[in-house]
């Protein structure tokens, strides 16, 4: 039993260090979107409380897979939960038919490309993946 507890503690420590050492995460929108968004606004969008931009257009919400380090950083710092818990909450909203704006989960390179092509999109990606990329605007960065 002691060995199991030690192994689990070590695993949690390694995961925490890997998330802490991960690249900064950029929360992005299409460059045509001039709306100013805080981390609280982003939380409301990702928690399905805010579904439209101020101009009335529906927000296209993009996520990374929960096992992605950037998803963990975003979930912890913006949503206040783990990435797996955030994914489970989104899945529960879909299953219970209460999701007003279902999220799309894509790989990081796809998220940045989709956001660059979709005027009403929001997403988050490792900051290094968007350097020099046109069509997107960084709302804020998470370290």
N, C-alpha and C. Protein backbone atom coordinates (compact mmCIF):
# COMPACT_ATOMS: atom_id res chain seq x y z
N UNK A 1 0.82 -1.19 0.00
CA UNK A 1 0.00 0.00 0.00
C UNK A 1 0.87 1.26 0.00
N UNK A 2 1.97 1.22 0.81
CA UNK A 2 2.87 2.37 0.86
C UNK A 2 3.48 2.62 -0.52
N UNK A 3 3.84 1.54 -1.22
CA UNK A 3 4.44 1.69 -2.54
C UNK A 3 3.47 2.34 -3.52
N UNK A 4 2.19 1.99 -3.42
CA UNK A 4 1.17 2.58 -4.28
C UNK A 4 1.03 4.08 -4.00
N UNK A 5 1.00 4.45 -2.75
CA UNK A 5 0.88 5.86 -2.38
C UNK A 5 2.11 6.64 -2.85
N UNK A 6 3.28 6.07 -2.69
CA UNK A 6 4.50 6.73 -3.16
C UNK A 6 4.48 6.88 -4.67
N UNK A 7 4.06 5.84 -5.37
CA UNK A 7 4.00 5.90 -6.84
C UNK A 7 3.01 6.96 -7.30
N UNK A 8 1.85 7.03 -6.67
CA UNK A 8 0.85 8.03 -7.04
C UNK A 8 1.35 9.44 -6.74
N UNK A 9 2.00 9.62 -5.61
CA UNK A 9 2.56 10.92 -5.26
C UNK A 9 3.61 11.35 -6.28
N UNK A 10 4.46 10.42 -6.67
CA UNK A 10 5.48 10.71 -7.68
C UNK A 10 4.84 11.06 -9.01
N UNK A 11 3.82 10.33 -9.41
CA UNK A 11 3.13 10.60 -10.66
C UNK A 11 2.50 12.00 -10.66
N UNK A 12 1.86 12.36 -9.58
CA UNK A 12 1.26 13.69 -9.47
C UNK A 12 2.34 14.76 -9.51
N UNK A 13 3.45 14.53 -8.84
CA UNK A 13 4.56 15.49 -8.85
C UNK A 13 5.12 15.68 -10.25
N UNK A 14 5.32 14.60 -10.99
CA UNK A 14 5.84 14.67 -12.35
C UNK A 14 4.86 15.43 -13.23
N UNK A 15 3.56 15.13 -13.09
CA UNK A 15 2.55 15.83 -13.90
C UNK A 15 2.54 17.32 -13.58
N UNK A 16 2.62 17.67 -12.31
CA UNK A 16 2.61 19.07 -11.90
C UNK A 16 3.84 19.79 -12.46
N UNK A 17 5.00 19.17 -12.41
CA UNK A 17 6.22 19.78 -12.94
C UNK A 17 6.11 19.93 -14.45
N UNK A 18 5.57 18.93 -15.15
CA UNK A 18 5.47 19.02 -16.61
C UNK A 18 4.51 20.13 -17.03
N UNK A 19 3.42 20.33 -16.29
CA UNK A 19 2.50 21.43 -16.59
C UNK A 19 3.17 22.77 -16.28
N UNK A 20 3.90 22.83 -15.16
CA UNK A 20 4.57 24.07 -14.79
C UNK A 20 5.64 24.46 -15.81
N UNK A 21 6.27 23.48 -16.45
CA UNK A 21 7.33 23.74 -17.42
C UNK A 21 6.80 23.87 -18.84
N UNK A 22 5.51 23.71 -19.02
CA UNK A 22 4.92 23.78 -20.36
C UNK A 22 5.02 25.20 -20.92
N UNK A 23 4.93 25.29 -22.23
CA UNK A 23 4.97 26.58 -22.91
C UNK A 23 3.79 27.44 -22.48
N UNK A 24 3.94 28.77 -22.54
CA UNK A 24 2.81 29.66 -22.27
C UNK A 24 1.66 29.35 -23.23
N UNK A 25 0.45 29.59 -22.78
CA UNK A 25 -0.74 29.31 -23.58
C UNK A 25 -1.37 30.64 -23.98
N UNK A 26 -1.68 30.78 -25.26
CA UNK A 26 -2.32 31.99 -25.78
C UNK A 26 -3.80 31.72 -26.03
N UNK A 27 -4.65 32.57 -25.51
CA UNK A 27 -6.08 32.51 -25.80
C UNK A 27 -6.27 33.43 -27.01
N UNK A 28 -6.86 32.86 -28.08
CA UNK A 28 -6.89 33.57 -29.36
C UNK A 28 -8.30 33.69 -29.94
N UNK A 29 -8.46 34.71 -30.77
CA UNK A 29 -9.66 34.89 -31.58
C UNK A 29 -9.21 35.25 -32.99
N UNK A 30 -10.14 35.27 -33.90
CA UNK A 30 -9.87 35.71 -35.26
C UNK A 30 -9.46 37.18 -35.24
N UNK A 31 -8.55 37.55 -36.11
CA UNK A 31 -8.05 38.94 -36.11
C UNK A 31 -9.14 39.95 -36.45
N UNK A 32 -10.23 39.54 -37.08
CA UNK A 32 -11.34 40.44 -37.39
C UNK A 32 -12.18 40.75 -36.15
N UNK A 33 -12.01 39.98 -35.09
CA UNK A 33 -12.76 40.17 -33.86
C UNK A 33 -12.03 41.19 -32.99
N UNK A 34 -12.64 42.35 -32.81
CA UNK A 34 -12.00 43.42 -32.03
C UNK A 34 -12.46 43.45 -30.58
N UNK A 35 -13.28 42.50 -30.19
CA UNK A 35 -13.82 42.48 -28.84
C UNK A 35 -12.71 42.21 -27.81
N UNK A 36 -12.76 42.93 -26.70
CA UNK A 36 -11.81 42.73 -25.61
C UNK A 36 -12.40 41.69 -24.67
N UNK A 37 -11.60 40.69 -24.34
CA UNK A 37 -12.09 39.58 -23.51
C UNK A 37 -11.13 39.36 -22.35
N UNK A 38 -11.65 39.29 -21.16
CA UNK A 38 -10.84 38.98 -19.97
C UNK A 38 -10.87 37.48 -19.72
N UNK A 39 -10.10 37.03 -18.75
CA UNK A 39 -10.13 35.61 -18.40
C UNK A 39 -11.49 35.22 -17.83
N UNK A 40 -12.18 36.16 -17.16
CA UNK A 40 -13.53 35.89 -16.65
C UNK A 40 -14.50 35.70 -17.81
N UNK A 41 -14.37 36.54 -18.85
CA UNK A 41 -15.22 36.38 -20.05
C UNK A 41 -14.95 35.03 -20.70
N UNK A 42 -13.67 34.66 -20.80
CA UNK A 42 -13.31 33.36 -21.39
C UNK A 42 -13.90 32.22 -20.58
N UNK A 43 -13.85 32.34 -19.26
CA UNK A 43 -14.44 31.31 -18.40
C UNK A 43 -15.94 31.18 -18.69
N UNK A 44 -16.63 32.30 -18.79
CA UNK A 44 -18.07 32.26 -19.07
C UNK A 44 -18.35 31.64 -20.43
N UNK A 45 -17.50 31.88 -21.40
CA UNK A 45 -17.68 31.27 -22.73
C UNK A 45 -17.47 29.77 -22.64
N UNK A 46 -16.38 29.34 -22.01
CA UNK A 46 -16.07 27.91 -21.94
C UNK A 46 -16.96 27.15 -20.96
N UNK A 47 -17.61 27.85 -20.04
CA UNK A 47 -18.55 27.19 -19.12
C UNK A 47 -19.98 27.24 -19.67
N UNK A 48 -20.12 27.71 -20.91
CA UNK A 48 -21.40 27.73 -21.63
C UNK A 48 -22.40 28.74 -21.03
N UNK A 49 -21.87 29.79 -20.41
CA UNK A 49 -22.73 30.84 -19.86
C UNK A 49 -22.91 31.99 -20.85
N UNK A 50 -21.89 32.21 -21.68
CA UNK A 50 -21.94 33.24 -22.72
C UNK A 50 -21.81 32.53 -24.06
N UNK A 51 -22.78 32.75 -24.95
CA UNK A 51 -22.80 32.01 -26.21
C UNK A 51 -22.70 32.87 -27.45
N UNK A 52 -22.81 34.20 -27.27
CA UNK A 52 -22.73 35.10 -28.41
C UNK A 52 -21.79 36.25 -28.10
N UNK A 53 -21.20 36.78 -29.17
CA UNK A 53 -20.40 37.99 -29.03
C UNK A 53 -21.34 39.17 -28.84
N UNK A 54 -20.82 40.32 -28.52
CA UNK A 54 -21.66 41.49 -28.29
C UNK A 54 -22.44 41.90 -29.54
N UNK A 55 -21.95 41.50 -30.73
CA UNK A 55 -22.67 41.82 -31.96
C UNK A 55 -23.78 40.82 -32.26
N UNK A 56 -23.98 39.82 -31.38
CA UNK A 56 -25.05 38.85 -31.55
C UNK A 56 -24.65 37.58 -32.28
N UNK A 57 -23.45 37.53 -32.85
CA UNK A 57 -23.00 36.32 -33.55
C UNK A 57 -22.64 35.22 -32.55
N UNK A 58 -23.01 33.98 -32.90
CA UNK A 58 -22.74 32.83 -32.05
C UNK A 58 -21.23 32.57 -31.99
N UNK A 59 -20.73 32.29 -30.81
CA UNK A 59 -19.30 32.03 -30.60
C UNK A 59 -19.01 30.58 -30.96
N UNK A 60 -17.99 30.36 -31.79
CA UNK A 60 -17.50 29.03 -32.11
C UNK A 60 -16.36 28.73 -31.14
N UNK A 61 -16.56 27.76 -30.24
CA UNK A 61 -15.63 27.49 -29.15
C UNK A 61 -14.79 26.26 -29.49
N UNK A 62 -13.45 26.42 -29.38
CA UNK A 62 -12.53 25.33 -29.68
C UNK A 62 -11.66 25.02 -28.47
N UNK A 63 -11.52 23.74 -28.19
CA UNK A 63 -10.77 23.19 -27.08
C UNK A 63 -9.65 22.32 -27.59
N UNK A 64 -8.68 22.06 -26.73
CA UNK A 64 -7.67 21.04 -26.99
C UNK A 64 -8.05 19.79 -26.22
N UNK A 65 -7.54 18.63 -26.61
CA UNK A 65 -7.83 17.40 -25.86
C UNK A 65 -7.37 17.55 -24.40
N UNK A 66 -8.08 16.95 -23.45
CA UNK A 66 -7.76 17.14 -22.04
C UNK A 66 -6.36 16.67 -21.64
N UNK A 67 -5.78 15.75 -22.40
CA UNK A 67 -4.43 15.27 -22.06
C UNK A 67 -3.33 16.22 -22.53
N UNK A 68 -3.68 17.24 -23.27
CA UNK A 68 -2.73 18.24 -23.75
C UNK A 68 -2.32 19.16 -22.60
N UNK A 69 -1.04 19.44 -22.46
CA UNK A 69 -0.55 20.31 -21.37
C UNK A 69 -1.17 21.70 -21.44
N UNK A 70 -1.38 22.22 -22.65
CA UNK A 70 -2.00 23.55 -22.78
C UNK A 70 -3.44 23.53 -22.29
N UNK A 71 -4.15 22.43 -22.50
CA UNK A 71 -5.53 22.31 -22.00
C UNK A 71 -5.54 22.32 -20.48
N UNK A 72 -4.56 21.66 -19.89
CA UNK A 72 -4.49 21.63 -18.42
C UNK A 72 -4.20 23.03 -17.87
N UNK A 73 -3.28 23.74 -18.49
CA UNK A 73 -2.96 25.10 -18.03
C UNK A 73 -4.19 26.00 -18.17
N UNK A 74 -4.85 25.94 -19.33
CA UNK A 74 -6.05 26.76 -19.54
C UNK A 74 -7.13 26.42 -18.51
N UNK A 75 -7.40 25.14 -18.34
CA UNK A 75 -8.47 24.73 -17.42
C UNK A 75 -8.16 25.16 -15.99
N UNK A 76 -6.96 24.95 -15.55
CA UNK A 76 -6.59 25.30 -14.17
C UNK A 76 -6.64 26.81 -13.95
N UNK A 77 -6.07 27.58 -14.89
CA UNK A 77 -5.94 29.03 -14.67
C UNK A 77 -7.18 29.82 -15.03
N UNK A 78 -7.97 29.35 -15.98
CA UNK A 78 -9.16 30.10 -16.39
C UNK A 78 -10.43 29.50 -15.78
N UNK A 79 -10.57 28.20 -15.85
CA UNK A 79 -11.79 27.55 -15.39
C UNK A 79 -11.75 27.14 -13.92
N UNK A 80 -10.55 27.01 -13.37
CA UNK A 80 -10.42 26.63 -11.97
C UNK A 80 -10.63 25.16 -11.70
N UNK A 81 -10.51 24.32 -12.73
CA UNK A 81 -10.65 22.87 -12.59
C UNK A 81 -9.59 22.21 -13.45
N UNK A 82 -9.46 20.89 -13.36
CA UNK A 82 -8.53 20.19 -14.24
C UNK A 82 -9.13 20.10 -15.65
N UNK A 83 -8.29 19.82 -16.61
CA UNK A 83 -8.76 19.68 -18.00
C UNK A 83 -9.74 18.52 -18.12
N UNK A 84 -9.48 17.45 -17.41
CA UNK A 84 -10.40 16.29 -17.46
C UNK A 84 -11.76 16.65 -16.86
N UNK A 85 -11.76 17.40 -15.76
CA UNK A 85 -13.03 17.83 -15.15
C UNK A 85 -13.79 18.77 -16.08
N UNK A 86 -13.06 19.66 -16.76
CA UNK A 86 -13.70 20.58 -17.71
C UNK A 86 -14.31 19.80 -18.87
N UNK A 87 -13.57 18.80 -19.37
CA UNK A 87 -14.08 17.98 -20.47
C UNK A 87 -15.30 17.17 -20.02
N UNK A 88 -15.26 16.67 -18.80
CA UNK A 88 -16.40 15.90 -18.27
C UNK A 88 -17.63 16.80 -18.13
N UNK A 89 -17.43 18.03 -17.65
CA UNK A 89 -18.56 18.95 -17.51
C UNK A 89 -19.17 19.28 -18.86
N UNK A 90 -18.32 19.49 -19.86
CA UNK A 90 -18.82 19.76 -21.22
C UNK A 90 -19.58 18.54 -21.75
N UNK A 91 -19.02 17.36 -21.55
CA UNK A 91 -19.68 16.12 -21.99
C UNK A 91 -21.03 15.94 -21.30
N UNK A 92 -21.10 16.24 -20.02
CA UNK A 92 -22.37 16.14 -19.27
C UNK A 92 -23.41 17.10 -19.83
N UNK A 93 -22.98 18.31 -20.22
CA UNK A 93 -23.93 19.26 -20.81
C UNK A 93 -24.46 18.74 -22.14
N UNK A 94 -23.60 18.11 -22.92
CA UNK A 94 -24.03 17.57 -24.22
C UNK A 94 -24.99 16.40 -24.00
N UNK A 95 -24.62 15.48 -23.12
CA UNK A 95 -25.44 14.29 -22.87
C UNK A 95 -26.80 14.67 -22.29
N UNK A 96 -26.82 15.64 -21.39
CA UNK A 96 -28.08 16.04 -20.76
C UNK A 96 -28.86 17.05 -21.61
N UNK A 97 -28.33 17.33 -22.79
CA UNK A 97 -28.99 18.24 -23.74
C UNK A 97 -29.15 19.65 -23.16
N UNK A 98 -28.19 20.07 -22.33
CA UNK A 98 -28.23 21.42 -21.79
C UNK A 98 -27.14 22.31 -22.38
N UNK A 99 -26.31 21.75 -23.26
CA UNK A 99 -25.25 22.55 -23.89
C UNK A 99 -25.89 23.50 -24.89
N UNK A 100 -25.64 24.78 -24.68
CA UNK A 100 -26.20 25.77 -25.61
C UNK A 100 -25.24 26.06 -26.74
N UNK A 101 -23.96 25.78 -26.52
CA UNK A 101 -22.96 26.04 -27.54
C UNK A 101 -21.87 24.97 -27.44
N UNK A 102 -22.13 23.76 -27.97
CA UNK A 102 -21.17 22.67 -27.85
C UNK A 102 -19.78 23.06 -28.38
N UNK A 103 -18.77 22.61 -27.66
CA UNK A 103 -17.39 22.92 -28.02
C UNK A 103 -16.82 21.86 -28.95
N UNK A 104 -15.90 22.28 -29.78
CA UNK A 104 -15.19 21.37 -30.68
C UNK A 104 -13.80 21.14 -30.10
N UNK A 105 -13.36 19.89 -30.07
CA UNK A 105 -12.02 19.58 -29.58
C UNK A 105 -11.16 19.19 -30.77
N UNK A 106 -10.05 19.90 -30.92
CA UNK A 106 -9.13 19.68 -32.05
C UNK A 106 -7.69 19.73 -31.55
N UNK A 107 -6.75 19.28 -32.37
CA UNK A 107 -5.32 19.41 -32.06
C UNK A 107 -4.93 20.88 -32.14
N UNK A 108 -3.84 21.25 -31.49
CA UNK A 108 -3.45 22.66 -31.41
C UNK A 108 -3.22 23.33 -32.76
N UNK A 109 -2.61 22.65 -33.71
CA UNK A 109 -2.38 23.25 -35.02
C UNK A 109 -3.70 23.50 -35.75
N UNK A 110 -4.67 22.62 -35.56
CA UNK A 110 -5.98 22.81 -36.17
C UNK A 110 -6.73 23.97 -35.52
N UNK A 111 -6.62 24.10 -34.19
CA UNK A 111 -7.32 25.19 -33.50
C UNK A 111 -6.84 26.53 -34.04
N UNK A 112 -5.54 26.73 -34.16
CA UNK A 112 -5.04 28.02 -34.65
C UNK A 112 -5.46 28.27 -36.09
N UNK A 113 -5.47 27.24 -36.93
CA UNK A 113 -5.89 27.40 -38.33
C UNK A 113 -7.38 27.69 -38.44
N UNK A 114 -8.19 27.00 -37.66
CA UNK A 114 -9.64 27.21 -37.68
C UNK A 114 -9.99 28.61 -37.19
N UNK A 115 -9.35 29.03 -36.09
CA UNK A 115 -9.63 30.37 -35.55
C UNK A 115 -9.23 31.43 -36.57
N UNK A 116 -8.12 31.22 -37.28
CA UNK A 116 -7.67 32.19 -38.30
C UNK A 116 -8.68 32.31 -39.44
N UNK A 117 -9.46 31.26 -39.69
CA UNK A 117 -10.41 31.25 -40.81
C UNK A 117 -11.86 31.52 -40.38
N UNK A 118 -12.13 31.54 -39.07
CA UNK A 118 -13.50 31.64 -38.57
C UNK A 118 -13.65 32.91 -37.74
N UNK A 119 -14.35 33.92 -38.27
CA UNK A 119 -14.46 35.21 -37.57
C UNK A 119 -15.02 35.15 -36.15
N UNK A 120 -15.86 34.18 -35.84
CA UNK A 120 -16.51 34.13 -34.52
C UNK A 120 -15.89 33.10 -33.58
N UNK A 121 -14.70 32.62 -33.91
CA UNK A 121 -14.08 31.54 -33.13
C UNK A 121 -13.23 32.07 -31.99
N UNK A 122 -13.11 31.23 -30.96
CA UNK A 122 -12.19 31.45 -29.84
C UNK A 122 -11.54 30.10 -29.55
N UNK A 123 -10.28 30.15 -29.15
CA UNK A 123 -9.55 28.94 -28.80
C UNK A 123 -8.34 29.29 -27.97
N UNK A 124 -7.56 28.28 -27.64
CA UNK A 124 -6.31 28.49 -26.93
C UNK A 124 -5.31 27.46 -27.43
N UNK A 125 -4.06 27.86 -27.52
CA UNK A 125 -3.00 27.01 -28.05
C UNK A 125 -1.68 27.37 -27.38
N UNK A 126 -0.68 26.47 -27.46
CA UNK A 126 0.65 26.88 -27.00
C UNK A 126 1.10 28.10 -27.79
N UNK A 127 1.63 29.09 -27.11
CA UNK A 127 1.99 30.36 -27.75
C UNK A 127 2.98 30.16 -28.90
N UNK A 128 3.89 29.21 -28.77
CA UNK A 128 4.89 28.99 -29.81
C UNK A 128 4.25 28.58 -31.14
N UNK A 129 3.06 28.03 -31.11
CA UNK A 129 2.40 27.56 -32.34
C UNK A 129 1.78 28.69 -33.16
N UNK A 130 1.70 29.89 -32.61
CA UNK A 130 1.06 30.97 -33.36
C UNK A 130 2.01 32.08 -33.76
N UNK A 131 3.27 31.95 -33.38
CA UNK A 131 4.24 32.98 -33.72
C UNK A 131 4.33 33.13 -35.24
N UNK A 132 4.11 34.35 -35.71
CA UNK A 132 4.16 34.63 -37.14
C UNK A 132 2.93 34.22 -37.92
N UNK A 133 1.91 33.71 -37.25
CA UNK A 133 0.70 33.26 -37.93
C UNK A 133 -0.25 34.44 -38.12
N UNK A 134 -0.77 34.58 -39.32
CA UNK A 134 -1.71 35.67 -39.59
C UNK A 134 -3.14 35.20 -39.38
N UNK A 135 -4.04 36.16 -39.20
CA UNK A 135 -5.46 35.85 -39.07
C UNK A 135 -5.93 35.63 -37.66
N UNK A 136 -5.02 35.71 -36.68
CA UNK A 136 -5.42 35.53 -35.28
C UNK A 136 -4.93 36.70 -34.44
N UNK A 137 -5.62 36.89 -33.32
CA UNK A 137 -5.25 37.92 -32.36
C UNK A 137 -5.22 37.28 -30.98
N UNK A 138 -4.17 37.57 -30.23
CA UNK A 138 -4.02 37.02 -28.87
C UNK A 138 -4.78 37.92 -27.91
N UNK A 139 -5.69 37.30 -27.16
CA UNK A 139 -6.46 38.04 -26.14
C UNK A 139 -5.64 38.20 -24.87
N UNK A 140 -5.06 37.10 -24.41
CA UNK A 140 -4.18 37.12 -23.25
C UNK A 140 -3.39 35.83 -23.23
N UNK A 141 -2.32 35.85 -22.44
CA UNK A 141 -1.42 34.70 -22.36
C UNK A 141 -1.40 34.17 -20.94
N UNK A 142 -1.34 32.85 -20.82
CA UNK A 142 -1.27 32.19 -19.52
C UNK A 142 0.12 31.56 -19.37
N UNK A 143 0.77 31.85 -18.30
CA UNK A 143 2.12 31.29 -18.05
C UNK A 143 2.02 30.07 -17.18
